[in-house]
Amino acid sequence: MGILEVRGCVKDFRVFVSTTNYLKQKIVMNFFLKSDNQNRFKTLILLVFFMFIAVIFALIIQDLVTDIFSNKNWAISAEARASVGTMNRGQQAYLLVNKGIFAKSLNELNVNIKEQTSNYKYSIKVTKISAFNYADARLEYVRKGWLKKIPVIGYVGAIFIVPTTKNSKNELTTLAILCQNKLPGTTHSSDPIYQNGILSCGVGTIKLQR
């Protein structure tokens, strides 16, 4: 939905509110002019109905406008994806400086990433030849307005030390991968795998372009 369509919706809403106010005035006048109890009851029901419709319509317009001008959906995923990518690059740099040893914690890695935010929890696991960097979702969805729920998806990155042949010499290099959970929620991401020269994501995750 574009800005012109939003403006059209807002205009329609103003007309709707104006019409609703006019009808409410007519209903109230009718309420006091009629002395019959049954008519009064019907008038009250109509008044409540129009007020309810006006409130619902206002909430829908608010959600539509917020959805168009807000980047919250993108920002939630971007937070974790960018952080895991930073952790991957940080591990590669740490490995070079510390002669083949990975950082075991965010404090050691020193990449200015908090262990926990409102949406994610970050952690590290290392072996002698690999480092796994996790962004685990702390909740399944984040509510946006009255009608929409934004999924919170987990991520995992990995760095593997692998042998390579360069200038007829056996040397070591690193391979990196970034994976995303297929489904939202707090399930811990499965570890990526390096096997027979192939780097792949674990069960329940998909590979992302770095």
C-alpha atoms as a PDB file:
ATOM      1  CA  MET A   1       0.000   0.000   0.000  1.00  0.00           C
ATOM      2  CA  GLY A   2       1.483   3.383  -1.050  1.00  0.00           C
ATOM      3  CA  ILE A   3       1.303   6.798   0.566  1.00  0.00           C
ATOM      4  CA  LEU A   4      -1.499   7.945  -1.774  1.00  0.00           C
ATOM      5  CA  GLU A   5      -3.577   4.908  -0.795  1.00  0.00           C
ATOM      6  CA  VAL A   6      -2.959   5.660   2.889  1.00  0.00           C
ATOM      7  CA  ARG A   7      -4.066   9.250   2.376  1.00  0.00           C
ATOM      8  CA  GLY A   8      -7.179   7.948   0.630  1.00  0.00           C
ATOM      9  CA  CYS A   9      -7.888   5.668   3.600  1.00  0.00           C
ATOM     10  CA  VAL A  10      -7.406   8.576   6.008  1.00  0.00           C
ATOM     11  CA  LYS A  11      -9.756  10.740   3.929  1.00  0.00           C
ATOM     12  CA  ASP A  12     -12.357   7.963   3.862  1.00  0.00           C
ATOM     13  CA  PHE A  13     -11.947   7.585   7.615  1.00  0.00           C
ATOM     14  CA  ARG A  14     -12.570  11.311   8.163  1.00  0.00           C
ATOM     15  CA  VAL A  15     -15.720  11.121   6.052  1.00  0.00           C
ATOM     16  CA  PHE A  16     -16.778   8.029   7.990  1.00  0.00           C
ATOM     17  CA  VAL A  17     -16.213   9.783  11.339  1.00  0.00           C
ATOM     18  CA  SER A  18     -18.102  12.865  10.143  1.00  0.00           C
ATOM     19  CA  THR A  19     -21.016  10.714   9.014  1.00  0.00           C
ATOM     20  CA  THR A  20     -20.899   8.748  12.257  1.00  0.00           C
ATOM     21  CA  ASN A  21     -20.993  11.945  14.340  1.00  0.00           C
ATOM     22  CA  TYR A  22     -23.997  13.168  12.355  1.00  0.00           C
ATOM     23  CA  LEU A  23     -25.801   9.878  12.857  1.00  0.00           C
ATOM     24  CA  LYS A  24     -24.989   9.906  16.560  1.00  0.00           C
ATOM     25  CA  GLN A  25     -26.504  13.401  16.863  1.00  0.00           C
ATOM     26  CA  LYS A  26     -29.639  12.263  15.061  1.00  0.00           C
ATOM     27  CA  ILE A  27     -29.831   9.178  17.248  1.00  0.00           C
ATOM     28  CA  VAL A  28     -29.452  11.191  20.451  1.00  0.00           C
ATOM     29  CA  MET A  29     -32.142  13.639  19.337  1.00  0.00           C
ATOM     30  CA  ASN A  30     -34.408  10.744  18.493  1.00  0.00           C
ATOM     31  CA  PHE A  31     -33.631   9.200  21.887  1.00  0.00           C
ATOM     32  CA  PHE A  32     -34.944  12.230  23.774  1.00  0.00           C
ATOM     33  CA  LEU A  33     -37.919  12.818  21.518  1.00  0.00           C
ATOM     34  CA  LYS A  34     -39.211   9.271  21.792  1.00  0.00           C
ATOM     35  CA  SER A  35     -40.881   8.321  25.004  1.00  0.00           C
ATOM     36  CA  ASP A  36     -41.394   4.667  24.229  1.00  0.00           C
ATOM     37  CA  ASN A  37     -38.979   2.444  26.210  1.00  0.00           C
ATOM     38  CA  GLN A  38     -38.542  -0.012  23.364  1.00  0.00           C
ATOM     39  CA  ASN A  39     -37.484   2.753  20.966  1.00  0.00           C
ATOM     40  CA  ARG A  40     -35.040   4.090  23.547  1.00  0.00           C
ATOM     41  CA  PHE A  41     -33.431   0.684  23.891  1.00  0.00           C
ATOM     42  CA  LYS A  42     -33.072   0.328  20.112  1.00  0.00           C
ATOM     43  CA  THR A  43     -31.546   3.788  19.912  1.00  0.00           C
ATOM     44  CA  LEU A  44     -28.965   2.950  22.578  1.00  0.00           C
ATOM     45  CA  ILE A  45     -28.007  -0.250  20.735  1.00  0.00           C
ATOM     46  CA  LEU A  46     -27.479   1.686  17.488  1.00  0.00           C
ATOM     47  CA  LEU A  47     -25.399   4.321  19.270  1.00  0.00           C
ATOM     48  CA  VAL A  48     -23.116   1.712  20.832  1.00  0.00           C
ATOM     49  CA  PHE A  49     -22.792  -0.081  17.479  1.00  0.00           C
ATOM     50  CA  PHE A  50     -21.669   3.050  15.609  1.00  0.00           C
ATOM     51  CA  MET A  51     -19.153   3.917  18.335  1.00  0.00           C
ATOM     52  CA  PHE A  52     -17.733   0.386  18.206  1.00  0.00           C
ATOM     53  CA  ILE A  53     -17.353   0.481  14.399  1.00  0.00           C
ATOM     54  CA  ALA A  54     -15.630   3.883  14.588  1.00  0.00           C
ATOM     55  CA  VAL A  55     -13.073   2.597  17.110  1.00  0.00           C
ATOM     56  CA  ILE A  56     -12.313  -0.553  15.074  1.00  0.00           C
ATOM     57  CA  PHE A  57     -11.894   1.462  11.885  1.00  0.00           C
ATOM     58  CA  ALA A  58      -9.501   3.872  13.629  1.00  0.00           C
ATOM     59  CA  LEU A  59      -7.351   0.963  14.900  1.00  0.00           C
ATOM     60  CA  ILE A  60      -7.156  -0.561  11.404  1.00  0.00           C
ATOM     61  CA  ILE A  61      -6.042   2.741   9.854  1.00  0.00           C
ATOM     62  CA  GLN A  62      -3.421   3.180  12.586  1.00  0.00           C
ATOM     63  CA  ASP A  63      -1.974  -0.289  11.952  1.00  0.00           C
ATOM     64  CA  LEU A  64      -1.860   0.266   8.191  1.00  0.00           C
ATOM     65  CA  VAL A  65      -0.005   3.566   8.524  1.00  0.00           C
ATOM     66  CA  THR A  66       2.416   2.107  11.093  1.00  0.00           C
ATOM     67  CA  ASP A  67       3.087  -0.909   8.874  1.00  0.00           C
ATOM     68  CA  ILE A  68       4.055   1.302   5.933  1.00  0.00           C
ATOM     69  CA  PHE A  69       6.291   3.774   7.729  1.00  0.00           C
ATOM     70  CA  SER A  70       7.913   1.423  10.241  1.00  0.00           C
ATOM     71  CA  ASN A  71      10.965  -0.808   9.645  1.00  0.00           C
ATOM     72  CA  LYS A  72      10.453  -2.803  12.836  1.00  0.00           C
ATOM     73  CA  ASN A  73       9.867  -6.086  11.032  1.00  0.00           C
ATOM     74  CA  TRP A  74      13.136  -5.729   9.163  1.00  0.00           C
ATOM     75  CA  ALA A  75      14.993  -4.388  12.210  1.00  0.00           C
ATOM     76  CA  ILE A  76      14.211  -7.402  14.416  1.00  0.00           C
ATOM     77  CA  SER A  77      15.802  -9.846  11.965  1.00  0.00           C
ATOM     78  CA  ALA A  78      18.590  -7.430  11.042  1.00  0.00           C
ATOM     79  CA  GLU A  79      19.691  -7.154  14.681  1.00  0.00           C
ATOM     80  CA  ALA A  80      20.468 -10.852  14.993  1.00  0.00           C
ATOM     81  CA  ARG A  81      21.735 -11.406  11.465  1.00  0.00           C
ATOM     82  CA  ALA A  82      24.165  -8.490  11.647  1.00  0.00           C
ATOM     83  CA  SER A  83      25.371  -9.474  15.120  1.00  0.00           C
ATOM     84  CA  VAL A  84      26.109 -13.086  14.149  1.00  0.00           C
ATOM     85  CA  GLY A  85      27.915 -11.882  11.041  1.00  0.00           C
ATOM     86  CA  THR A  86      30.027  -9.584  13.225  1.00  0.00           C
ATOM     87  CA  MET A  87      30.769 -12.475  15.590  1.00  0.00           C
ATOM     88  CA  ASN A  88      31.893 -14.640  12.650  1.00  0.00           C
ATOM     89  CA  ARG A  89      34.291 -11.970  11.395  1.00  0.00           C
ATOM     90  CA  GLY A  90      35.471 -11.314  14.935  1.00  0.00           C
ATOM     91  CA  GLN A  91      36.333 -14.997  15.410  1.00  0.00           C
ATOM     92  CA  GLN A  92      38.387 -15.029  12.205  1.00  0.00           C
ATOM     93  CA  ALA A  93      40.340 -11.967  13.336  1.00  0.00           C
ATOM     94  CA  TYR A  94      40.780 -13.371  16.857  1.00  0.00           C
ATOM     95  CA  LEU A  95      42.061 -16.650  15.401  1.00  0.00           C
ATOM     96  CA  LEU A  96      44.818 -14.894  13.458  1.00  0.00           C
ATOM     97  CA  VAL A  97      45.947 -12.778  16.381  1.00  0.00           C
ATOM     98  CA  ASN A  98      45.873 -15.628  18.914  1.00  0.00           C
ATOM     99  CA  LYS A  99      47.575 -18.304  16.801  1.00  0.00           C
ATOM    100  CA  GLY A 100      44.760 -20.711  16.076  1.00  0.00           C
ATOM    101  CA  ILE A 101      42.603 -20.193  19.177  1.00  0.00           C
ATOM    102  CA  PHE A 102      38.961 -19.054  19.058  1.00  0.00           C
ATOM    103  CA  ALA A 103      37.334 -16.671  21.555  1.00  0.00           C
ATOM    104  CA  LYS A 104      35.198 -18.566  24.062  1.00  0.00           C
ATOM    105  CA  SER A 105      32.921 -15.674  25.047  1.00  0.00           C
ATOM    106  CA  LEU A 106      31.634 -12.335  23.820  1.00  0.00           C
ATOM    107  CA  ASN A 107      33.818 -10.655  26.402  1.00  0.00           C
ATOM    108  CA  GLU A 108      36.919 -12.266  24.879  1.00  0.00           C
ATOM    109  CA  LEU A 109      35.743 -11.585  21.352  1.00  0.00           C
ATOM    110  CA  ASN A 110      35.284  -7.882  22.179  1.00  0.00           C
ATOM    111  CA  VAL A 111      32.935  -6.961  19.316  1.00  0.00           C
ATOM    112  CA  ASN A 112      30.605  -4.697  21.316  1.00  0.00           C
ATOM    113  CA  ILE A 113      27.635  -7.078  21.321  1.00  0.00           C
ATOM    114  CA  LYS A 114      25.517  -7.536  24.454  1.00  0.00           C
ATOM    115  CA  GLU A 115      24.861 -11.071  25.663  1.00  0.00           C
ATOM    116  CA  GLN A 116      21.122 -10.315  25.789  1.00  0.00           C
ATOM    117  CA  THR A 117      18.697  -7.874  24.181  1.00  0.00           C
ATOM    118  CA  SER A 118      14.906  -7.621  24.334  1.00  0.00           C
ATOM    119  CA  ASN A 119      14.579 -10.114  21.470  1.00  0.00           C
ATOM    120  CA  TYR A 120      17.754 -12.243  21.447  1.00  0.00           C
ATOM    121  CA  LYS A 121      20.341 -14.004  23.585  1.00  0.00           C
ATOM    122  CA  TYR A 122      23.871 -14.290  22.145  1.00  0.00           C
ATOM    123  CA  SER A 123      26.387 -16.997  22.981  1.00  0.00           C
ATOM    124  CA  ILE A 124      29.510 -18.803  21.710  1.00  0.00           C
ATOM    125  CA  LYS A 125      30.673 -22.439  21.613  1.00  0.00           C
ATOM    126  CA  VAL A 126      34.133 -23.457  20.431  1.00  0.00           C
ATOM    127  CA  THR A 127      36.121 -26.596  19.622  1.00  0.00           C
ATOM    128  CA  LYS A 128      39.727 -26.935  18.472  1.00  0.00           C
ATOM    129  CA  ILE A 129      38.728 -26.517  14.824  1.00  0.00           C
ATOM    130  CA  SER A 130      35.447 -24.580  14.948  1.00  0.00           C
ATOM    131  CA  ALA A 131      33.534 -21.740  16.568  1.00  0.00           C
ATOM    132  CA  PHE A 132      29.721 -21.477  16.710  1.00  0.00           C
ATOM    133  CA  ASN A 133      28.049 -18.123  17.277  1.00  0.00           C
ATOM    134  CA  TYR A 134      24.389 -18.134  18.310  1.00  0.00           C
ATOM    135  CA  ALA A 135      21.552 -15.609  18.300  1.00  0.00           C
ATOM    136  CA  ASP A 136      18.729 -17.455  20.078  1.00  0.00           C
ATOM    137  CA  ALA A 137      15.289 -15.858  19.984  1.00  0.00           C
ATOM    138  CA  ARG A 138      13.889 -15.093  23.437  1.00  0.00           C
ATOM    139  CA  LEU A 139      10.273 -15.160  22.261  1.00  0.00           C
ATOM    140  CA  GLU A 140       8.298 -16.444  19.294  1.00  0.00           C
ATOM    141  CA  TYR A 141       6.578 -13.237  18.195  1.00  0.00           C
ATOM    142  CA  VAL A 142       6.650  -9.500  18.844  1.00  0.00           C
ATOM    143  CA  ARG A 143       3.281  -7.743  18.703  1.00  0.00           C
ATOM    144  CA  LYS A 144       2.985  -4.769  16.374  1.00  0.00           C
ATOM    145  CA  GLY A 145      -0.158  -2.737  16.866  1.00  0.00           C
ATOM    146  CA  TRP A 146      -3.452  -4.550  17.447  1.00  0.00           C
ATOM    147  CA  LEU A 147      -3.500  -6.870  14.475  1.00  0.00           C
ATOM    148  CA  LYS A 148       0.016  -7.980  13.547  1.00  0.00           C
ATOM    149  CA  LYS A 149       2.614 -10.299  15.085  1.00  0.00           C
ATOM    150  CA  ILE A 150       6.227 -10.211  13.871  1.00  0.00           C
ATOM    151  CA  PRO A 151       8.118 -13.545  14.045  1.00  0.00           C
ATOM    152  CA  VAL A 152      11.429 -13.626  15.937  1.00  0.00           C
ATOM    153  CA  ILE A 153      13.806 -16.038  14.194  1.00  0.00           C
ATOM    154  CA  GLY A 154      17.048 -17.531  15.522  1.00  0.00           C
ATOM    155  CA  TYR A 155      20.421 -17.468  13.756  1.00  0.00           C
ATOM    156  CA  VAL A 156      23.714 -19.335  14.019  1.00  0.00           C
ATOM    157  CA  GLY A 157      27.079 -18.681  12.437  1.00  0.00           C
ATOM    158  CA  ALA A 158      30.162 -20.908  12.302  1.00  0.00           C
ATOM    159  CA  ILE A 159      33.854 -20.692  11.478  1.00  0.00           C
ATOM    160  CA  PHE A 160      35.782 -23.853  10.566  1.00  0.00           C
ATOM    161  CA  ILE A 161      39.549 -24.300  10.302  1.00  0.00           C
ATOM    162  CA  VAL A 162      40.178 -26.373   7.177  1.00  0.00           C
ATOM    163  CA  PRO A 163      43.314 -27.527   5.309  1.00  0.00           C
ATOM    164  CA  THR A 164      44.147 -26.022   1.944  1.00  0.00           C
ATOM    165  CA  THR A 165      46.891 -26.440  -0.624  1.00  0.00           C
ATOM    166  CA  LYS A 166      48.623 -23.236  -1.646  1.00  0.00           C
ATOM    167  CA  ASN A 167      51.853 -23.003  -3.591  1.00  0.00           C
ATOM    168  CA  SER A 168      52.298 -26.780  -3.160  1.00  0.00           C
ATOM    169  CA  LYS A 169      52.236 -26.353   0.617  1.00  0.00           C
ATOM    170  CA  ASN A 170      49.707 -27.681   3.082  1.00  0.00           C
ATOM    171  CA  GLU A 171      48.259 -24.704   4.941  1.00  0.00           C
ATOM    172  CA  LEU A 172      45.194 -23.886   7.024  1.00  0.00           C
ATOM    173  CA  THR A 173      42.411 -21.447   6.214  1.00  0.00           C
ATOM    174  CA  THR A 174      38.921 -20.685   7.550  1.00  0.00           C
ATOM    175  CA  LEU A 175      35.441 -21.102   6.099  1.00  0.00           C
ATOM    176  CA  ALA A 176      32.416 -19.224   7.431  1.00  0.00           C
ATOM    177  CA  ILE A 177      28.667 -19.843   7.202  1.00  0.00           C
ATOM    178  CA  LEU A 178      25.528 -18.058   8.403  1.00  0.00           C
ATOM    179  CA  CYS A 179      22.280 -19.969   8.936  1.00  0.00           C
ATOM    180  CA  GLN A 180      18.731 -19.007   9.871  1.00  0.00           C
ATOM    181  CA  ASN A 181      16.076 -21.098  11.610  1.00  0.00           C
ATOM    182  CA  LYS A 182      13.228 -22.116   9.316  1.00  0.00           C
ATOM    183  CA  LEU A 183      10.627 -21.384  11.981  1.00  0.00           C
ATOM    184  CA  PRO A 184      10.287 -18.616  14.580  1.00  0.00           C
ATOM    185  CA  GLY A 185      10.580 -19.376  18.274  1.00  0.00           C
ATOM    186  CA  THR A 186      13.013 -20.078  21.071  1.00  0.00           C
ATOM    187  CA  THR A 187      14.408 -23.352  19.683  1.00  0.00           C
ATOM    188  CA  HIS A 188      18.219 -23.373  19.820  1.00  0.00           C
ATOM    189  CA  SER A 189      19.729 -23.423  16.322  1.00  0.00           C
ATOM    190  CA  SER A 190      21.431 -26.657  15.298  1.00  0.00           C
ATOM    191  CA  ASP A 191      25.149 -26.429  14.502  1.00  0.00           C
ATOM    192  CA  PRO A 192      26.363 -26.037  10.914  1.00  0.00           C
ATOM    193  CA  ILE A 193      28.424 -28.942   9.544  1.00  0.00           C
ATOM    194  CA  TYR A 194      31.701 -29.234   7.619  1.00  0.00           C
ATOM    195  CA  GLN A 195      32.043 -32.712   6.127  1.00  0.00           C
ATOM    196  CA  ASN A 196      33.965 -34.064   3.133  1.00  0.00           C
ATOM    197  CA  GLY A 197      34.910 -30.542   2.088  1.00  0.00           C
ATOM    198  CA  ILE A 198      31.289 -29.312   2.137  1.00  0.00           C
ATOM    199  CA  LEU A 199      29.988 -26.613   4.467  1.00  0.00           C
ATOM    200  CA  SER A 200      26.237 -26.824   5.228  1.00  0.00           C
ATOM    201  CA  CYS A 201      23.610 -25.714   7.719  1.00  0.00           C
ATOM    202  CA  GLY A 202      22.217 -28.039  10.367  1.00  0.00           C
ATOM    203  CA  VAL A 203      18.760 -29.547  10.670  1.00  0.00           C
ATOM    204  CA  GLY A 204      15.945 -26.999  10.749  1.00  0.00           C
ATOM    205  CA  THR A 205      18.062 -24.137   9.393  1.00  0.00           C
ATOM    206  CA  ILE A 206      18.782 -22.620   5.966  1.00  0.00           C
ATOM    207  CA  LYS A 207      21.919 -20.996   4.579  1.00  0.00           C
ATOM    208  CA  LEU A 208      22.042 -17.215   4.119  1.00  0.00           C
ATOM    209  CA  GLN A 209      24.304 -15.119   1.918  1.00  0.00           C
ATOM    210  CA  ARG A 210      26.811 -13.287   4.084  1.00  0.00           C
END
